[in-house]
Amino acid sequence: MTLETERLLLRPFTAEDVEQVVALCNDWEVAKTTLGMPHPYPPEHFLNWVPRHAEWFANDIEYNLAITEKDTGAVVGSISISGIHKKHLLGEIGYWVGRAYWNRGYTTEAARALTDYVFREKGLHKLIGRHFACNPASGRVMEKLGMEKEGVQKRQYFRNGQWQDVVLYGLVRPEQEGDLTLRVVDAADPVTLALFARLDDFMQAFLREDSGLYTPYGFHEKLQRVWALFSGGMPIGCVAYREKEPGVGELKRLYLVPEFRGRGLSKRLIQSVEAFARSKDDHTLLLETRSTLEPAFSLYQAAGYAVTFRQGIPVQMEKQLGR
């Protein structure tokens, strides 16, 4: 089984990869972020591990793939789904990437591809992910996948000479109702930008002479999470989250194409933001709307948002998030 992304090829490991893998894994900065990688890393460890992969895959026990660059063929890391529970359709994602390839987005790119595969082709219901609290970069990858923080396991494992706290993340297979799919997308994705542009056009046309009060989307907004709603593969709506300050988030960029309004889909998008904000331990969620945009104003009120400031057309609202 191989998976291809824009820059990467995920493929089964072979014995010929041993030199590259040993070189990458003999870096303590890589090994210390994992639970079980030995250091120093002996070639025998890899050569005894690889022959088991085909059987594990065939029996849906564990999926292990090499992360390789398409243009060079170089092995840059490893990614896996392990601990597969066939009754509960549950698995755990794990990964590591060599230090020379950090900060290139390779881990996220590979993890998205494998996550999509196991949800779509293997029928898994949920993925979990865990990382040492001292390795927050791994948690950022999980958040980019749409995973939500589910808790912290205190002093869970003895590693690196001390007891380590472990942060637990989870992701339930993206909701699908009929032909509707809700998933996390990148703020710079062309699909996302197209939806934001439709929202900007709608708002400027609606406000007309007051359109100067509306600010079109720009990367200065620094959105931390964006969701897109698809119908039959076509993007039909979006919503976003941004942290205002610790404990306080902002609901941003809610939009639904006109032909899908009135079906409760906007409420579903709002709930996605609220669930994410709660996972970050936010106690308050803010938003800004327009008093003249009556359908949106009524939607927010029905969802439990109260007006905190009004000055002419702009209206600020907030909701206290229960646990």
Protein backbone atom coordinates (compact mmCIF):
# COMPACT_ATOMS: atom_id res chain seq x y z
CA MET A 1 0.00 0.00 0.00
CA THR A 2 1.35 3.42 -0.97
CA LEU A 3 -0.08 6.90 -0.50
CA GLU A 4 0.97 9.90 -2.52
CA THR A 5 0.75 13.55 -1.50
CA GLU A 6 1.98 16.74 -3.14
CA ARG A 7 5.56 16.25 -1.94
CA LEU A 8 5.68 12.82 -0.35
CA LEU A 9 5.30 9.14 -1.05
CA LEU A 10 4.26 6.95 1.88
CA ARG A 11 5.33 3.39 1.19
CA PRO A 12 6.23 0.18 3.03
CA PHE A 13 9.71 0.02 4.53
CA THR A 14 12.25 -2.36 2.99
CA ALA A 15 15.50 -3.76 4.33
CA GLU A 16 17.32 -1.43 1.94
CA ASP A 17 16.15 1.54 4.05
CA VAL A 18 18.24 0.44 7.02
CA GLU A 19 21.14 2.88 6.60
CA GLN A 20 18.90 5.91 6.17
CA VAL A 21 16.68 4.95 9.11
CA VAL A 22 19.59 4.22 11.45
CA ALA A 23 21.16 7.57 10.60
CA LEU A 24 17.94 9.42 11.35
CA CYS A 25 17.11 7.50 14.53
CA ASN A 26 20.57 7.77 16.05
CA ASP A 27 19.81 11.44 16.70
CA TRP A 28 18.84 11.79 20.37
CA GLU A 29 16.65 14.81 19.54
CA VAL A 30 14.46 12.44 17.52
CA ALA A 31 14.61 9.42 19.84
CA LYS A 32 13.74 11.33 23.01
CA THR A 33 10.35 12.39 21.61
CA THR A 34 9.25 8.75 21.23
CA LEU A 35 8.24 6.17 23.80
CA GLY A 36 10.04 3.11 22.50
CA MET A 37 12.79 4.07 20.06
CA PRO A 38 16.12 2.73 21.40
CA HIS A 39 19.17 4.96 21.57
CA PRO A 40 21.66 4.20 20.17
CA TYR A 41 19.56 2.68 17.40
CA PRO A 42 21.01 -0.68 16.22
CA PRO A 43 20.44 -1.84 12.62
CA GLU A 44 19.16 -5.16 13.97
CA HIS A 45 16.21 -3.41 15.57
CA PHE A 46 15.05 -2.14 12.18
CA LEU A 47 15.81 -5.38 10.32
CA ASN A 48 13.81 -7.44 12.83
CA TRP A 49 10.90 -4.99 12.74
CA VAL A 50 10.33 -4.58 9.01
CA PRO A 51 9.53 -8.23 8.09
CA ARG A 52 6.49 -8.15 10.39
CA HIS A 53 4.81 -5.25 8.60
CA ALA A 54 3.15 -7.19 5.77
CA GLU A 55 1.44 -9.60 8.16
CA TRP A 56 0.36 -6.79 10.47
CA PHE A 57 -1.12 -4.89 7.55
CA ALA A 58 -2.88 -7.94 6.08
CA ASN A 59 -4.52 -8.68 9.45
CA ASP A 60 -5.33 -5.02 10.24
CA ILE A 61 -3.13 -5.08 13.32
CA GLU A 62 -0.86 -2.15 12.50
CA TYR A 63 0.01 -0.04 9.46
CA ASN A 64 3.63 1.19 9.19
CA LEU A 65 4.87 3.35 6.33
CA ALA A 66 8.08 5.12 5.41
CA ILE A 67 7.72 8.84 4.74
CA THR A 68 9.80 9.59 1.63
CA GLU A 69 10.37 12.63 -0.56
CA LYS A 70 8.94 12.18 -4.04
CA ASP A 71 11.64 14.16 -5.78
CA THR A 72 14.66 12.58 -4.05
CA GLY A 73 13.36 9.24 -2.77
CA ALA A 74 14.99 9.96 0.60
CA VAL A 75 13.45 8.42 3.71
CA VAL A 76 12.62 11.31 6.04
CA GLY A 77 10.61 9.54 8.75
CA SER A 78 7.98 7.02 9.72
CA ILE A 79 4.23 7.08 10.31
CA SER A 80 1.90 4.41 11.64
CA ILE A 81 -1.53 3.46 12.86
CA SER A 82 -1.18 1.01 15.74
CA GLY A 83 -3.27 -0.46 18.51
CA ILE A 84 -6.12 -1.12 16.08
CA HIS A 85 -9.25 -2.33 17.86
CA LYS A 86 -11.53 -4.04 15.37
CA LYS A 87 -14.64 -3.99 17.57
CA HIS A 88 -14.45 -0.30 18.41
CA LEU A 89 -12.82 0.71 15.08
CA LEU A 90 -10.15 2.59 16.99
CA GLY A 91 -6.50 3.19 16.18
CA GLU A 92 -3.58 5.33 17.35
CA ILE A 93 -1.50 7.50 15.05
CA GLY A 94 2.22 7.86 15.62
CA TYR A 95 5.07 9.44 13.69
CA TRP A 96 8.61 10.75 13.75
CA VAL A 97 10.63 12.74 11.23
CA GLY A 98 14.41 13.20 11.06
CA ARG A 99 15.70 16.49 12.43
CA ALA A 100 17.06 17.59 9.04
CA TYR A 101 13.46 17.57 7.75
CA TRP A 102 11.76 19.43 10.60
CA ASN A 103 9.72 22.59 9.96
CA ARG A 104 8.81 21.64 6.39
CA GLY A 105 5.26 20.47 7.10
CA TYR A 106 6.14 16.88 6.15
CA THR A 107 4.66 15.34 9.30
CA THR A 108 1.32 17.07 8.86
CA GLU A 109 1.19 16.26 5.15
CA ALA A 110 1.87 12.58 5.78
CA ALA A 111 -0.49 12.37 8.73
CA ARG A 112 -3.37 13.87 6.75
CA ALA A 113 -2.90 11.33 3.99
CA LEU A 114 -2.83 8.35 6.34
CA THR A 115 -5.73 9.66 8.43
CA ASP A 116 -7.89 10.10 5.34
CA TYR A 117 -6.95 6.59 4.19
CA VAL A 118 -7.86 4.76 7.40
CA PHE A 119 -11.14 6.62 7.74
CA ARG A 120 -12.10 6.14 4.09
CA GLU A 121 -10.66 2.72 3.23
CA LYS A 122 -10.32 0.94 6.57
CA GLY A 123 -13.51 2.25 8.14
CA LEU A 124 -11.98 3.36 11.43
CA HIS A 125 -14.34 5.37 13.63
CA LYS A 126 -11.77 7.20 15.73
CA LEU A 127 -8.05 7.94 15.93
CA ILE A 128 -6.19 8.89 19.06
CA GLY A 129 -2.75 10.45 19.32
CA ARG A 130 -0.43 10.93 22.27
CA HIS A 131 2.69 12.98 22.85
CA PHE A 132 4.94 13.85 25.73
CA ALA A 133 3.98 17.21 27.24
CA CYS A 134 7.59 18.30 26.70
CA ASN A 135 7.11 17.89 22.92
CA PRO A 136 4.33 20.40 22.03
CA ALA A 137 5.30 20.38 18.33
CA SER A 138 3.73 16.92 18.03
CA GLY A 139 0.52 18.30 19.51
CA ARG A 140 0.43 21.05 16.92
CA VAL A 141 0.48 18.40 14.19
CA MET A 142 -2.47 16.67 15.83
CA GLU A 143 -4.40 19.93 16.03
CA LYS A 144 -3.79 20.55 12.33
CA LEU A 145 -5.37 17.17 11.67
CA GLY A 146 -8.49 18.34 13.47
CA MET A 147 -7.77 16.30 16.59
CA GLU A 148 -9.04 17.69 19.87
CA LYS A 149 -7.28 17.58 23.21
CA GLU A 150 -9.02 15.04 25.44
CA GLY A 151 -6.87 15.13 28.53
CA VAL A 152 -3.46 14.77 30.17
CA GLN A 153 -2.17 11.51 31.64
CA LYS A 154 -0.01 12.61 34.55
CA ARG A 155 3.39 10.94 35.05
CA GLN A 156 2.34 8.19 32.65
CA TYR A 157 5.68 6.87 31.37
CA PHE A 158 9.27 6.82 32.60
CA ARG A 159 11.40 8.13 29.72
CA ASN A 160 14.49 10.28 29.43
CA GLY A 161 15.28 9.67 33.10
CA GLN A 162 12.04 11.06 34.48
CA TRP A 163 8.29 10.54 34.60
CA GLN A 164 6.58 12.11 31.60
CA ASP A 165 3.11 13.63 31.35
CA VAL A 166 1.32 12.49 28.20
CA VAL A 167 -1.19 14.67 26.33
CA LEU A 168 -4.05 12.74 24.73
CA TYR A 169 -5.79 13.82 21.51
CA GLY A 170 -8.71 12.27 19.63
CA LEU A 171 -10.42 12.59 16.26
CA VAL A 172 -13.74 10.99 15.39
CA ARG A 173 -14.21 10.30 11.69
CA PRO A 174 -15.51 13.52 10.08
CA GLU A 175 -19.27 13.69 10.21
CA GLN A 176 -21.03 12.49 7.11
CA GLU A 177 -24.76 12.82 6.68
CA GLY A 178 -25.91 11.86 3.24
CA ASP A 179 -23.45 13.65 1.01
CA LEU A 180 -22.38 16.20 3.67
CA THR A 181 -18.86 16.12 5.13
CA LEU A 182 -17.39 18.51 7.68
CA ARG A 183 -13.60 18.62 7.94
CA VAL A 184 -10.72 20.82 9.07
CA VAL A 185 -8.92 22.68 6.28
CA ASP A 186 -5.91 24.96 6.05
CA ALA A 187 -6.57 28.70 6.06
CA ALA A 188 -4.38 29.07 2.95
CA ASP A 189 -6.08 26.25 1.02
CA PRO A 190 -7.62 27.45 -2.28
CA VAL A 191 -10.96 25.97 -1.20
CA THR A 192 -10.86 28.01 2.00
CA LEU A 193 -9.87 31.21 0.23
CA ALA A 194 -12.67 30.75 -2.30
CA LEU A 195 -15.23 30.43 0.50
CA PHE A 196 -13.82 33.47 2.28
CA ALA A 197 -14.03 35.43 -0.98
CA ARG A 198 -17.71 34.48 -1.38
CA LEU A 199 -18.35 35.65 2.17
CA ASP A 200 -16.58 38.96 1.48
CA ASP A 201 -18.59 39.50 -1.71
CA PHE A 202 -21.83 38.71 0.10
CA MET A 203 -21.09 41.08 3.00
CA GLN A 204 -20.02 43.97 0.80
CA ALA A 205 -23.09 43.59 -1.40
CA PHE A 206 -25.37 43.34 1.63
CA LEU A 207 -23.91 46.36 3.43
CA ARG A 208 -23.79 48.50 0.28
CA GLU A 209 -23.05 52.07 1.39
CA ASP A 210 -21.85 50.74 4.74
CA SER A 211 -19.46 48.26 3.16
CA GLY A 212 -16.55 50.35 4.42
CA LEU A 213 -17.34 49.00 7.88
CA TYR A 214 -16.47 45.49 6.71
CA THR A 215 -12.89 44.19 6.45
CA PRO A 216 -12.26 41.49 3.81
CA TYR A 217 -10.20 38.46 4.76
CA GLY A 218 -6.46 38.78 5.11
CA PHE A 219 -3.79 36.53 6.57
CA HIS A 220 -3.35 39.12 9.34
CA GLU A 221 -6.41 37.51 10.96
CA LYS A 222 -4.16 34.60 12.00
CA LEU A 223 -6.92 32.02 12.13
CA GLN A 224 -5.93 28.96 14.15
CA ARG A 225 -8.57 26.52 12.93
CA VAL A 226 -10.85 26.51 9.88
CA TRP A 227 -13.66 24.08 9.09
CA ALA A 228 -15.24 23.60 5.68
CA LEU A 229 -18.54 21.89 4.95
CA PHE A 230 -18.78 19.91 1.71
CA SER A 231 -21.75 18.53 -0.18
CA GLY A 232 -20.87 15.86 -2.70
CA GLY A 233 -17.31 17.17 -2.71
CA MET A 234 -18.41 20.77 -3.32
CA PRO A 235 -17.50 23.32 -0.60
CA ILE A 236 -20.68 24.96 0.69
CA GLY A 237 -19.73 26.62 3.97
CA CYS A 238 -17.02 27.50 6.44
CA VAL A 239 -16.28 28.80 9.92
CA ALA A 240 -13.07 29.63 11.79
CA TYR A 241 -11.59 30.05 15.26
CA ARG A 242 -8.99 32.50 16.54
CA GLU A 243 -7.63 32.86 20.06
CA LYS A 244 -8.26 36.34 21.44
CA GLU A 245 -6.41 35.79 24.70
CA PRO A 246 -5.92 32.84 27.06
CA GLY A 247 -9.35 31.44 27.85
CA VAL A 248 -11.11 33.59 25.27
CA GLY A 249 -11.65 32.67 21.62
CA GLU A 250 -13.34 34.27 18.64
CA LEU A 251 -15.77 32.72 16.19
CA LYS A 252 -14.88 34.02 12.74
CA ARG A 253 -15.81 33.66 9.08
CA LEU A 254 -19.15 31.85 9.35
CA TYR A 255 -20.60 31.42 5.87
CA LEU A 256 -23.04 29.12 4.10
CA VAL A 257 -23.96 29.35 0.43
CA PRO A 258 -27.57 30.56 0.00
CA GLU A 259 -29.05 27.34 -1.37
CA PHE A 260 -28.05 25.40 1.77
CA ARG A 261 -29.38 27.86 4.34
CA GLY A 262 -32.35 27.04 6.54
CA ARG A 263 -31.25 23.43 7.16
CA GLY A 264 -29.51 23.87 10.51
CA LEU A 265 -26.06 23.67 8.93
CA SER A 266 -24.90 27.03 10.28
CA LYS A 267 -25.67 25.82 13.79
CA ARG A 268 -23.53 22.74 13.14
CA LEU A 269 -20.61 24.93 12.08
CA ILE A 270 -20.98 27.05 15.22
CA GLN A 271 -21.00 23.92 17.38
CA SER A 272 -17.73 22.79 15.80
CA VAL A 273 -16.05 26.01 16.93
CA GLU A 274 -17.55 25.75 20.40
CA ALA A 275 -16.35 22.16 20.83
CA PHE A 276 -12.84 23.16 19.77
CA ALA A 277 -12.85 26.17 22.13
CA ARG A 278 -13.87 23.93 25.03
CA SER A 279 -11.06 21.51 24.18
CA LYS A 280 -8.67 24.46 24.62
CA ASP A 281 -10.28 25.25 28.00
CA ASP A 282 -11.74 28.53 26.73
CA HIS A 283 -14.45 29.94 28.99
CA THR A 284 -15.73 32.58 26.58
CA LEU A 285 -16.34 32.74 22.84
CA LEU A 286 -16.68 36.12 21.12
CA LEU A 287 -18.02 37.13 17.74
CA GLU A 288 -18.89 40.23 15.77
CA THR A 289 -21.86 40.63 13.48
CA ARG A 290 -24.05 43.41 12.03
CA SER A 291 -27.36 44.54 13.45
CA THR A 292 -28.75 44.80 9.91
CA LEU A 293 -27.86 41.17 9.20
CA GLU A 294 -31.00 39.91 10.88
CA PRO A 295 -30.76 36.17 10.02
CA ALA A 296 -27.23 35.94 11.44
CA PHE A 297 -28.11 38.04 14.48
CA SER A 298 -31.08 35.79 15.26
CA LEU A 299 -28.98 32.66 14.68
CA TYR A 300 -26.39 33.76 17.22
CA GLN A 301 -29.03 34.70 19.79
CA ALA A 302 -30.69 31.31 19.39
CA ALA A 303 -27.28 29.68 19.90
CA GLY A 304 -26.89 31.44 23.26
CA TYR A 305 -24.83 34.50 22.33
CA ALA A 306 -25.62 37.77 24.11
CA VAL A 307 -24.94 41.33 22.96
CA THR A 308 -22.10 42.93 24.89
CA PHE A 309 -21.53 46.04 22.78
CA ARG A 310 -23.44 47.82 20.06
CA GLN A 311 -22.41 50.97 18.22
CA GLY A 312 -24.51 51.60 15.17
CA ILE A 313 -24.32 48.64 12.80
CA PRO A 314 -21.44 46.61 14.35
CA VAL A 315 -22.51 44.37 17.22
CA GLN A 316 -20.27 42.37 19.52
CA MET A 317 -21.63 39.23 21.16
CA GLU A 318 -20.29 36.55 23.48
CA LYS A 319 -21.18 33.18 24.96
CA GLN A 320 -20.00 31.68 28.22
CA LEU A 321 -18.98 28.12 27.49
CA GLY A 322 -20.17 25.43 29.86
CA ARG A 323 -17.99 22.41 30.42
